Amino acid sequence: YAQNIQDEEMIPYFKKIQDNLEQIDKHQEQLRVLKGV
């Protein structure tokens, strides 16, 4: 349901998870640069 959540009570949780996933992607990219991959 991440793409089309209708449950208002769940929206803040979904947003927090999405934000965390984006931060993880950024950190993983930084690790790739450091590893030379």
PDB file of all heavy atoms in Angstrom:
ATOM      1  N   TYR A   1       0.781  -1.234   0.000  1.00  0.00           N
ATOM      2  CA  TYR A   1       0.000   0.000   0.000  1.00  0.00           C
ATOM      3  C   TYR A   1       0.818   1.291   0.000  1.00  0.00           C
ATOM      4  O   TYR A   1       0.248   2.373   0.072  1.00  0.00           O
ATOM      5  CB  TYR A   1      -0.941   0.006   1.213  1.00  0.00           C
ATOM      6  CG  TYR A   1      -1.928  -1.132   1.187  1.00  0.00           C
ATOM      7  CD1 TYR A   1      -1.796  -2.213   2.053  1.00  0.00           C
ATOM      8  CD2 TYR A   1      -2.979  -1.139   0.279  1.00  0.00           C
ATOM      9  CE1 TYR A   1      -2.690  -3.267   2.031  1.00  0.00           C
ATOM     10  CE2 TYR A   1      -3.875  -2.192   0.245  1.00  0.00           C
ATOM     11  CZ  TYR A   1      -3.730  -3.249   1.121  1.00  0.00           C
ATOM     12  OH  TYR A   1      -4.616  -4.283   1.085  1.00  0.00           O
ATOM     13  N   ALA A   2       2.128   1.199  -0.086  1.00  0.00           N
ATOM     14  CA  ALA A   2       2.976   2.397   0.029  1.00  0.00           C
ATOM     15  C   ALA A   2       2.661   3.449  -1.022  1.00  0.00           C
ATOM     16  O   ALA A   2       2.716   4.647  -0.740  1.00  0.00           O
ATOM     17  CB  ALA A   2       4.449   2.008  -0.048  1.00  0.00           C
ATOM     18  N   GLN A   3       2.331   3.042  -2.216  1.00  0.00           N
ATOM     19  CA  GLN A   3       2.113   3.998  -3.296  1.00  0.00           C
ATOM     20  C   GLN A   3       0.753   4.698  -3.231  1.00  0.00           C
ATOM     21  O   GLN A   3       0.602   5.803  -3.721  1.00  0.00           O
ATOM     22  CB  GLN A   3       2.271   3.309  -4.659  1.00  0.00           C
ATOM     23  CG  GLN A   3       3.655   2.739  -4.872  1.00  0.00           C
ATOM     24  CD  GLN A   3       4.746   3.778  -4.710  1.00  0.00           C
ATOM     25  OE1 GLN A   3       4.616   4.896  -5.169  1.00  0.00           O
ATOM     26  NE2 GLN A   3       5.827   3.413  -4.032  1.00  0.00           N
ATOM     27  N   ASN A   4      -0.235   4.051  -2.643  1.00  0.00           N
ATOM     28  CA  ASN A   4      -1.574   4.657  -2.618  1.00  0.00           C
ATOM     29  C   ASN A   4      -2.269   4.432  -1.277  1.00  0.00           C
ATOM     30  O   ASN A   4      -3.402   3.971  -1.235  1.00  0.00           O
ATOM     31  CB  ASN A   4      -2.420   4.123  -3.773  1.00  0.00           C
ATOM     32  CG  ASN A   4      -2.468   2.618  -3.809  1.00  0.00           C
ATOM     33  OD1 ASN A   4      -1.955   1.958  -2.922  1.00  0.00           O
ATOM     34  ND2 ASN A   4      -3.071   2.067  -4.837  1.00  0.00           N
ATOM     35  N   ILE A   5      -1.590   4.792  -0.225  1.00  0.00           N
ATOM     36  CA  ILE A   5      -2.150   4.615   1.117  1.00  0.00           C
ATOM     37  C   ILE A   5      -3.354   5.543   1.310  1.00  0.00           C
ATOM     38  O   ILE A   5      -3.295   6.721   0.976  1.00  0.00           O
ATOM     39  CB  ILE A   5      -1.081   4.852   2.215  1.00  0.00           C
ATOM     40  CG1 ILE A   5      -1.645   4.612   3.614  1.00  0.00           C
ATOM     41  CG2 ILE A   5      -0.504   6.241   2.147  1.00  0.00           C
ATOM     42  CD1 ILE A   5      -1.912   3.183   3.918  1.00  0.00           C
ATOM     43  N   GLN A   6      -4.437   5.007   1.814  1.00  0.00           N
ATOM     44  CA  GLN A   6      -5.647   5.775   2.067  1.00  0.00           C
ATOM     45  C   GLN A   6      -5.901   5.944   3.558  1.00  0.00           C
ATOM     46  O   GLN A   6      -6.638   6.820   3.973  1.00  0.00           O
ATOM     47  CB  GLN A   6      -6.854   5.073   1.422  1.00  0.00           C
ATOM     48  CG  GLN A   6      -6.753   4.906  -0.077  1.00  0.00           C
ATOM     49  CD  GLN A   6      -6.760   6.229  -0.812  1.00  0.00           C
ATOM     50  OE1 GLN A   6      -7.468   7.154  -0.429  1.00  0.00           O
ATOM     51  NE2 GLN A   6      -5.959   6.344  -1.854  1.00  0.00           N
ATOM     52  N   ASP A   7      -5.295   5.099   4.345  1.00  0.00           N
ATOM     53  CA  ASP A   7      -5.506   5.095   5.785  1.00  0.00           C
ATOM     54  C   ASP A   7      -4.741   6.258   6.419  1.00  0.00           C
ATOM     55  O   ASP A   7      -3.523   6.212   6.554  1.00  0.00           O
ATOM     56  CB  ASP A   7      -5.040   3.750   6.352  1.00  0.00           C
ATOM     57  CG  ASP A   7      -5.401   3.569   7.810  1.00  0.00           C
ATOM     58  OD1 ASP A   7      -5.786   4.558   8.469  1.00  0.00           O
ATOM     59  OD2 ASP A   7      -5.293   2.421   8.289  1.00  0.00           O
ATOM     60  N   GLU A   8      -5.449   7.319   6.804  1.00  0.00           N
ATOM     61  CA  GLU A   8      -4.835   8.529   7.359  1.00  0.00           C
ATOM     62  C   GLU A   8      -3.947   8.233   8.568  1.00  0.00           C
ATOM     63  O   GLU A   8      -2.938   8.890   8.786  1.00  0.00           O
ATOM     64  CB  GLU A   8      -5.919   9.543   7.758  1.00  0.00           C
ATOM     65  CG  GLU A   8      -6.679  10.125   6.587  1.00  0.00           C
ATOM     66  CD  GLU A   8      -5.830  11.031   5.719  1.00  0.00           C
ATOM     67  OE1 GLU A   8      -4.959  11.738   6.255  1.00  0.00           O
ATOM     68  OE2 GLU A   8      -6.039  11.027   4.492  1.00  0.00           O
ATOM     69  N   GLU A   9      -4.333   7.250   9.352  1.00  0.00           N
ATOM     70  CA  GLU A   9      -3.575   6.908  10.547  1.00  0.00           C
ATOM     71  C   GLU A   9      -2.185   6.346  10.205  1.00  0.00           C
ATOM     72  O   GLU A   9      -1.236   6.501  10.961  1.00  0.00           O
ATOM     73  CB  GLU A   9      -4.368   5.870  11.356  1.00  0.00           C
ATOM     74  CG  GLU A   9      -3.757   5.512  12.681  1.00  0.00           C
ATOM     75  CD  GLU A   9      -4.617   4.499  13.439  1.00  0.00           C
ATOM     76  OE1 GLU A   9      -5.855   4.607  13.391  1.00  0.00           O
ATOM     77  OE2 GLU A   9      -4.033   3.602  14.059  1.00  0.00           O
ATOM     78  N   MET A  10      -2.063   5.723   9.026  1.00  0.00           N
ATOM     79  CA  MET A  10      -0.811   5.081   8.637  1.00  0.00           C
ATOM     80  C   MET A  10       0.124   6.012   7.858  1.00  0.00           C
ATOM     81  O   MET A  10       1.320   5.735   7.758  1.00  0.00           O
ATOM     82  CB  MET A  10      -1.101   3.850   7.764  1.00  0.00           C
ATOM     83  CG  MET A  10      -1.786   2.740   8.492  1.00  0.00           C
ATOM     84  SD  MET A  10      -0.652   2.044   9.710  1.00  0.00           S
ATOM     85  CE  MET A  10      -1.738   1.751  11.064  1.00  0.00           C
ATOM     86  N   ILE A  11      -0.375   7.114   7.325  1.00  0.00           N
ATOM     87  CA  ILE A  11       0.428   8.005   6.474  1.00  0.00           C
ATOM     88  C   ILE A  11       1.720   8.471   7.152  1.00  0.00           C
ATOM     89  O   ILE A  11       2.792   8.397   6.544  1.00  0.00           O
ATOM     90  CB  ILE A  11      -0.412   9.187   5.960  1.00  0.00           C
ATOM     91  CG1 ILE A  11      -1.427   8.668   4.941  1.00  0.00           C
ATOM     92  CG2 ILE A  11       0.465  10.268   5.342  1.00  0.00           C
ATOM     93  CD1 ILE A  11      -2.410   9.706   4.441  1.00  0.00           C
ATOM     94  N   PRO A  12       1.707   8.922   8.416  1.00  0.00           N
ATOM     95  CA  PRO A  12       2.979   9.349   9.029  1.00  0.00           C
ATOM     96  C   PRO A  12       4.017   8.219   9.116  1.00  0.00           C
ATOM     97  O   PRO A  12       5.199   8.453   8.927  1.00  0.00           O
ATOM     98  CB  PRO A  12       2.570   9.806  10.429  1.00  0.00           C
ATOM     99  CG  PRO A  12       1.104  10.024  10.381  1.00  0.00           C
ATOM    100  CD  PRO A  12       0.572   9.152   9.301  1.00  0.00           C
ATOM    101  N   TYR A  13       3.556   7.000   9.367  1.00  0.00           N
ATOM    102  CA  TYR A  13       4.468   5.866   9.437  1.00  0.00           C
ATOM    103  C   TYR A  13       5.067   5.566   8.060  1.00  0.00           C
ATOM    104  O   TYR A  13       6.265   5.316   7.929  1.00  0.00           O
ATOM    105  CB  TYR A  13       3.752   4.623   9.978  1.00  0.00           C
ATOM    106  CG  TYR A  13       3.220   4.792  11.373  1.00  0.00           C
ATOM    107  CD1 TYR A  13       1.854   4.908  11.607  1.00  0.00           C
ATOM    108  CD2 TYR A  13       4.079   4.857  12.463  1.00  0.00           C
ATOM    109  CE1 TYR A  13       1.357   5.064  12.896  1.00  0.00           C
ATOM    110  CE2 TYR A  13       3.594   5.012  13.758  1.00  0.00           C
ATOM    111  CZ  TYR A  13       2.233   5.119  13.960  1.00  0.00           C
ATOM    112  OH  TYR A  13       1.754   5.275  15.232  1.00  0.00           O
ATOM    113  N   PHE A  14       4.210   5.601   7.039  1.00  0.00           N
ATOM    114  CA  PHE A  14       4.676   5.341   5.684  1.00  0.00           C
ATOM    115  C   PHE A  14       5.682   6.406   5.253  1.00  0.00           C
ATOM    116  O   PHE A  14       6.699   6.103   4.653  1.00  0.00           O
ATOM    117  CB  PHE A  14       3.490   5.309   4.713  1.00  0.00           C
ATOM    118  CG  PHE A  14       2.808   3.972   4.640  1.00  0.00           C
ATOM    119  CD1 PHE A  14       2.362   3.337   5.791  1.00  0.00           C
ATOM    120  CD2 PHE A  14       2.601   3.356   3.428  1.00  0.00           C
ATOM    121  CE1 PHE A  14       1.729   2.114   5.730  1.00  0.00           C
ATOM    122  CE2 PHE A  14       1.970   2.129   3.359  1.00  0.00           C
ATOM    123  CZ  PHE A  14       1.532   1.507   4.509  1.00  0.00           C
ATOM    124  N   LYS A  15       5.387   7.671   5.580  1.00  0.00           N
ATOM    125  CA  LYS A  15       6.292   8.757   5.204  1.00  0.00           C
ATOM    126  C   LYS A  15       7.645   8.588   5.889  1.00  0.00           C
ATOM    127  O   LYS A  15       8.691   8.759   5.268  1.00  0.00           O
ATOM    128  CB  LYS A  15       5.686  10.108   5.553  1.00  0.00           C
ATOM    129  CG  LYS A  15       6.610  11.269   5.253  1.00  0.00           C
ATOM    130  CD  LYS A  15       5.885  12.506   4.897  1.00  0.00           C
ATOM    131  CE  LYS A  15       6.772  13.675   4.612  1.00  0.00           C
ATOM    132  NZ  LYS A  15       7.993  13.438   3.900  1.00  0.00           N
ATOM    133  N   LYS A  16       7.640   8.235   7.166  1.00  0.00           N
ATOM    134  CA  LYS A  16       8.888   8.040   7.904  1.00  0.00           C
ATOM    135  C   LYS A  16       9.704   6.901   7.296  1.00  0.00           C
ATOM    136  O   LYS A  16      10.918   7.010   7.136  1.00  0.00           O
ATOM    137  CB  LYS A  16       8.584   7.767   9.390  1.00  0.00           C
ATOM    138  CG  LYS A  16       9.794   7.602  10.244  1.00  0.00           C
ATOM    139  CD  LYS A  16      10.608   8.870  10.321  1.00  0.00           C
ATOM    140  CE  LYS A  16      11.779   8.682  11.282  1.00  0.00           C
ATOM    141  NZ  LYS A  16      12.730   9.757  11.200  1.00  0.00           N
ATOM    142  N   ILE A  17       9.037   5.824   6.934  1.00  0.00           N
ATOM    143  CA  ILE A  17       9.735   4.701   6.305  1.00  0.00           C
ATOM    144  C   ILE A  17      10.334   5.133   4.972  1.00  0.00           C
ATOM    145  O   ILE A  17      11.495   4.838   4.678  1.00  0.00           O
ATOM    146  CB  ILE A  17       8.794   3.486   6.131  1.00  0.00           C
ATOM    147  CG1 ILE A  17       8.447   2.890   7.496  1.00  0.00           C
ATOM    148  CG2 ILE A  17       9.429   2.435   5.222  1.00  0.00           C
ATOM    149  CD1 ILE A  17       7.360   1.832   7.446  1.00  0.00           C
ATOM    150  N   GLN A  18       9.552   5.859   4.158  1.00  0.00           N
ATOM    151  CA  GLN A  18      10.056   6.334   2.859  1.00  0.00           C
ATOM    152  C   GLN A  18      11.268   7.231   3.056  1.00  0.00           C
ATOM    153  O   GLN A  18      12.266   7.108   2.339  1.00  0.00           O
ATOM    154  CB  GLN A  18       8.963   7.099   2.097  1.00  0.00           C
ATOM    155  CG  GLN A  18       7.851   6.237   1.581  1.00  0.00           C
ATOM    156  CD  GLN A  18       8.255   5.393   0.379  1.00  0.00           C
ATOM    157  OE1 GLN A  18       9.402   5.017   0.212  1.00  0.00           O
ATOM    158  NE2 GLN A  18       7.288   5.083  -0.450  1.00  0.00           N
ATOM    159  N   ASP A  19      11.214   8.156   4.008  1.00  0.00           N
ATOM    160  CA  ASP A  19      12.340   9.047   4.282  1.00  0.00           C
ATOM    161  C   ASP A  19      13.574   8.242   4.699  1.00  0.00           C
ATOM    162  O   ASP A  19      14.687   8.518   4.240  1.00  0.00           O
ATOM    163  CB  ASP A  19      11.986  10.053   5.381  1.00  0.00           C
ATOM    164  CG  ASP A  19      10.951  11.075   4.939  1.00  0.00           C
ATOM    165  OD1 ASP A  19      10.707  11.201   3.717  1.00  0.00           O
ATOM    166  OD2 ASP A  19      10.377  11.746   5.823  1.00  0.00           O
ATOM    167  N   ASN A  20      13.373   7.255   5.567  1.00  0.00           N
ATOM    168  CA  ASN A  20      14.491   6.421   6.009  1.00  0.00           C
ATOM    169  C   ASN A  20      15.086   5.623   4.846  1.00  0.00           C
ATOM    170  O   ASN A  20      16.309   5.484   4.745  1.00  0.00           O
ATOM    171  CB  ASN A  20      14.068   5.484   7.136  1.00  0.00           C
ATOM    172  CG  ASN A  20      13.843   6.215   8.445  1.00  0.00           C
ATOM    173  OD1 ASN A  20      14.274   7.349   8.626  1.00  0.00           O
ATOM    174  ND2 ASN A  20      13.158   5.571   9.368  1.00  0.00           N
ATOM    175  N   LEU A  21      14.233   5.098   3.975  1.00  0.00           N
ATOM    176  CA  LEU A  21      14.727   4.350   2.814  1.00  0.00           C
ATOM    177  C   LEU A  21      15.556   5.251   1.893  1.00  0.00           C
ATOM    178  O   LEU A  21      16.590   4.827   1.365  1.00  0.00           O
ATOM    179  CB  LEU A  21      13.558   3.721   2.043  1.00  0.00           C
ATOM    180  CG  LEU A  21      12.862   2.549   2.732  1.00  0.00           C
ATOM    181  CD1 LEU A  21      11.596   2.155   1.983  1.00  0.00           C
ATOM    182  CD2 LEU A  21      13.807   1.360   2.861  1.00  0.00           C
ATOM    183  N   GLU A  22      15.121   6.498   1.709  1.00  0.00           N
ATOM    184  CA  GLU A  22      15.884   7.443   0.890  1.00  0.00           C
ATOM    185  C   GLU A  22      17.242   7.740   1.525  1.00  0.00           C
ATOM    186  O   GLU A  22      18.257   7.817   0.831  1.00  0.00           O
ATOM    187  CB  GLU A  22      15.096   8.731   0.688  1.00  0.00           C
ATOM    188  CG  GLU A  22      13.912   8.571  -0.233  1.00  0.00           C
ATOM    189  CD  GLU A  22      13.001   9.796  -0.285  1.00  0.00           C
ATOM    190  OE1 GLU A  22      13.396  10.869   0.225  1.00  0.00           O
ATOM    191  OE2 GLU A  22      11.893   9.665  -0.827  1.00  0.00           O
ATOM    192  N   GLN A  23      17.272   7.903   2.847  1.00  0.00           N
ATOM    193  CA  GLN A  23      18.537   8.144   3.544  1.00  0.00           C
ATOM    194  C   GLN A  23      19.467   6.932   3.425  1.00  0.00           C
ATOM    195  O   GLN A  23      20.670   7.086   3.233  1.00  0.00           O
ATOM    196  CB  GLN A  23      18.286   8.471   5.019  1.00  0.00           C
ATOM    197  CG  GLN A  23      17.690   9.834   5.257  1.00  0.00           C
ATOM    198  CD  GLN A  23      18.624  10.945   4.810  1.00  0.00           C
ATOM    199  OE1 GLN A  23      19.826  10.892   5.004  1.00  0.00           O
ATOM    200  NE2 GLN A  23      18.051  11.958   4.188  1.00  0.00           N
ATOM    201  N   ILE A  24      18.899   5.747   3.525  1.00  0.00           N
ATOM    202  CA  ILE A  24      19.700   4.530   3.363  1.00  0.00           C
ATOM    203  C   ILE A  24      20.319   4.497   1.979  1.00  0.00           C
ATOM    204  O   ILE A  24      21.501   4.182   1.821  1.00  0.00           O
ATOM    205  CB  ILE A  24      18.846   3.266   3.636  1.00  0.00           C
ATOM    206  CG1 ILE A  24      18.531   3.154   5.126  1.00  0.00           C
ATOM    207  CG2 ILE A  24      19.548   2.009   3.128  1.00  0.00           C
ATOM    208  CD1 ILE A  24      17.501   2.095   5.467  1.00  0.00           C
ATOM    209  N   ASP A  25      19.536   4.824   0.934  1.00  0.00           N
ATOM    210  CA  ASP A  25      20.058   4.853  -0.435  1.00  0.00           C
ATOM    211  C   ASP A  25      21.226   5.828  -0.556  1.00  0.00           C
ATOM    212  O   ASP A  25      22.234   5.524  -1.189  1.00  0.00           O
ATOM    213  CB  ASP A  25      18.962   5.224  -1.437  1.00  0.00           C
ATOM    214  CG  ASP A  25      17.980   4.096  -1.689  1.00  0.00           C
ATOM    215  OD1 ASP A  25      18.294   2.928  -1.348  1.00  0.00           O
ATOM    216  OD2 ASP A  25      16.896   4.379  -2.234  1.00  0.00           O
ATOM    217  N   LYS A  26      21.092   7.011   0.050  1.00  0.00           N
ATOM    218  CA  LYS A  26      22.175   7.999  -0.006  1.00  0.00           C
ATOM    219  C   LYS A  26      23.428   7.479   0.691  1.00  0.00           C
ATOM    220  O   LYS A  26      24.536   7.623   0.178  1.00  0.00           O
ATOM    221  CB  LYS A  26      21.725   9.316   0.625  1.00  0.00           C
ATOM    222  CG  LYS A  26      20.729  10.069  -0.207  1.00  0.00           C
ATOM    223  CD  LYS A  26      20.274  11.344   0.476  1.00  0.00           C
ATOM    224  CE  LYS A  26      19.200  12.044  -0.340  1.00  0.00           C
ATOM    225  NZ  LYS A  26      18.694  13.229   0.342  1.00  0.00           N
ATOM    226  N   HIS A  27      23.248   6.869   1.855  1.00  0.00           N
ATOM    227  CA  HIS A  27      24.393   6.321   2.587  1.00  0.00           C
ATOM    228  C   HIS A  27      25.049   5.171   1.813  1.00  0.00           C
ATOM    229  O   HIS A  27      26.275   5.053   1.777  1.00  0.00           O
ATOM    230  CB  HIS A  27      23.987   5.858   3.978  1.00  0.00           C
ATOM    231  CG  HIS A  27      23.619   6.963   4.915  1.00  0.00           C
ATOM    232  ND1 HIS A  27      24.373   8.106   5.067  1.00  0.00           N
ATOM    233  CD2 HIS A  27      22.565   7.107   5.751  1.00  0.00           C
ATOM    234  CE1 HIS A  27      23.805   8.904   5.947  1.00  0.00           C
ATOM    235  NE2 HIS A  27      22.700   8.325   6.377  1.00  0.00           N
ATOM    236  N   GLN A  28      24.228   4.333   1.183  1.00  0.00           N
ATOM    237  CA  GLN A  28      24.775   3.226   0.396  1.00  0.00           C
ATOM    238  C   GLN A  28      25.578   3.755  -0.789  1.00  0.00           C
ATOM    239  O   GLN A  28      26.617   3.196  -1.137  1.00  0.00           O
ATOM    240  CB  GLN A  28      23.660   2.291  -0.066  1.00  0.00           C
ATOM    241  CG  GLN A  28      23.107   1.440   1.055  1.00  0.00           C
ATOM    242  CD  GLN A  28      21.915   0.604   0.646  1.00  0.00           C
ATOM    243  OE1 GLN A  28      21.170   0.936  -0.279  1.00  0.00           O
ATOM    244  NE2 GLN A  28      21.712  -0.494   1.358  1.00  0.00           N
ATOM    245  N   GLU A  29      25.113   4.832  -1.397  1.00  0.00           N
ATOM    246  CA  GLU A  29      25.848   5.428  -2.510  1.00  0.00           C
ATOM    247  C   GLU A  29      27.189   5.977  -2.023  1.00  0.00           C
ATOM    248  O   GLU A  29      28.208   5.828  -2.694  1.00  0.00           O
ATOM    249  CB  GLU A  29      25.021   6.530  -3.184  1.00  0.00           C
ATOM    250  CG  GLU A  29      25.664   7.086  -4.434  1.00  0.00           C
ATOM    251  CD  GLU A  29      25.974   6.046  -5.502  1.00  0.00           C
ATOM    252  OE1 GLU A  29      25.190   5.085  -5.674  1.00  0.00           O
ATOM    253  OE2 GLU A  29      27.026   6.177  -6.158  1.00  0.00           O
ATOM    254  N   GLN A  30      27.207   6.594  -0.848  1.00  0.00           N
ATOM    255  CA  GLN A  30      28.467   7.078  -0.280  1.00  0.00           C
ATOM    256  C   GLN A  30      29.425   5.913  -0.030  1.00  0.00           C
ATOM    257  O   GLN A  30      30.626   6.026  -0.296  1.00  0.00           O
ATOM    258  CB  GLN A  30      28.211   7.837   1.026  1.00  0.00           C
ATOM    259  CG  GLN A  30      27.526   9.166   0.828  1.00  0.00           C
ATOM    260  CD  GLN A  30      27.133   9.816   2.148  1.00  0.00           C
ATOM    261  OE1 GLN A  30      26.903   9.149   3.150  1.00  0.00           O
ATOM    262  NE2 GLN A  30      27.052  11.139   2.140  1.00  0.00           N
ATOM    263  N   LEU A  31      28.909   4.797   0.459  1.00  0.00           N
ATOM    264  CA  LEU A  31      29.747   3.619   0.668  1.00  0.00           C
ATOM    265  C   LEU A  31      30.307   3.100  -0.651  1.00  0.00           C
ATOM    266  O   LEU A  31      31.468   2.693  -0.723  1.00  0.00           O
ATOM    267  CB  LEU A  31      28.956   2.507   1.367  1.00  0.00           C
ATOM    268  CG  LEU A  31      28.733   2.667   2.856  1.00  0.00           C
ATOM    269  CD1 LEU A  31      27.821   1.554   3.384  1.00  0.00           C
ATOM    270  CD2 LEU A  31      30.055   2.655   3.603  1.00  0.00           C
ATOM    271  N   ARG A  32      29.485   3.108  -1.697  1.00  0.00           N
ATOM    272  CA  ARG A  32      29.956   2.659  -3.011  1.00  0.00           C
ATOM    273  C   ARG A  32      31.132   3.504  -3.485  1.00  0.00           C
ATOM    274  O   ARG A  32      32.105   2.981  -4.012  1.00  0.00           O
ATOM    275  CB  ARG A  32      28.827   2.708  -4.035  1.00  0.00           C
ATOM    276  CG  ARG A  32      27.862   1.582  -3.950  1.00  0.00           C
ATOM    277  CD  ARG A  32      26.867   1.607  -5.118  1.00  0.00           C
ATOM    278  NE  ARG A  32      25.740   0.791  -4.790  1.00  0.00           N
ATOM    279  CZ  ARG A  32      24.632   1.230  -4.178  1.00  0.00           C
ATOM    280  NH1 ARG A  32      24.483   2.495  -3.884  1.00  0.00           N
ATOM    281  NH2 ARG A  32      23.660   0.403  -3.892  1.00  0.00           N
ATOM    282  N   VAL A  33      31.011   4.812  -3.319  1.00  0.00           N
ATOM    283  CA  VAL A  33      32.090   5.712  -3.726  1.00  0.00           C
ATOM    284  C   VAL A  33      33.365   5.372  -2.957  1.00  0.00           C
ATOM    285  O   VAL A  33      34.443   5.270  -3.541  1.00  0.00           O
ATOM    286  CB  VAL A  33      31.691   7.193  -3.509  1.00  0.00           C
ATOM    287  CG1 VAL A  33      32.884   8.112  -3.694  1.00  0.00           C
ATOM    288  CG2 VAL A  33      30.562   7.580  -4.461  1.00  0.00           C
ATOM    289  N   LEU A  34      33.246   5.180  -1.652  1.00  0.00           N
ATOM    290  CA  LEU A  34      34.410   4.852  -0.833  1.00  0.00           C
ATOM    291  C   LEU A  34      35.020   3.502  -1.213  1.00  0.00           C
ATOM    292  O   LEU A  34      36.233   3.321  -1.149  1.00  0.00           O
ATOM    293  CB  LEU A  34      34.034   4.851   0.648  1.00  0.00           C
ATOM    294  CG  LEU A  34      33.657   6.210   1.234  1.00  0.00           C
ATOM    295  CD1 LEU A  34      33.129   6.053   2.650  1.00  0.00           C
ATOM    296  CD2 LEU A  34      34.844   7.154   1.209  1.00  0.00           C
ATOM    297  N   LYS A  35      34.175   2.544  -1.607  1.00  0.00           N
ATOM    298  CA  LYS A  35      34.643   1.214  -1.987  1.00  0.00           C
ATOM    299  C   LYS A  35      35.148   1.159  -3.427  1.00  0.00           C
ATOM    300  O   LYS A  35      35.747   0.168  -3.829  1.00  0.00           O
ATOM    301  CB  LYS A  35      33.514   0.182  -1.843  1.00  0.00           C
ATOM    302  CG  LYS A  35      33.124  -0.124  -0.426  1.00  0.00           C
ATOM    303  CD  LYS A  35      31.990  -1.143  -0.438  1.00  0.00           C
ATOM    304  CE  LYS A  35      31.526  -1.519   0.936  1.00  0.00           C
ATOM    305  NZ  LYS A  35      30.395  -2.466   0.886  1.00  0.00           N
ATOM    306  N   GLY A  36      34.848   2.201  -4.235  1.00  0.00           N
ATOM    307  CA  GLY A  36      35.259   2.186  -5.635  1.00  0.00           C
ATOM    308  C   GLY A  36      34.376   1.317  -6.502  1.00  0.00           C
ATOM    309  O   GLY A  36      34.848   0.690  -7.449  1.00  0.00           O
ATOM    310  N   VAL A  37      33.093   1.256  -6.158  1.00  0.00           N
ATOM    311  CA  VAL A  37      32.139   0.488  -6.959  1.00  0.00           C
ATOM    312  C   VAL A  37      30.970   1.374  -7.367  1.00  0.00           C
ATOM    313  O   VAL A  37      30.747   2.435  -6.779  1.00  0.00           O
ATOM    314  CB  VAL A  37      31.598  -0.755  -6.195  1.00  0.00           C
ATOM    315  CG1 VAL A  37      32.705  -1.730  -5.882  1.00  0.00           C
ATOM    316  CG2 VAL A  37      30.867  -0.368  -4.944  1.00  0.00           C
TER     317      VAL A  37
END
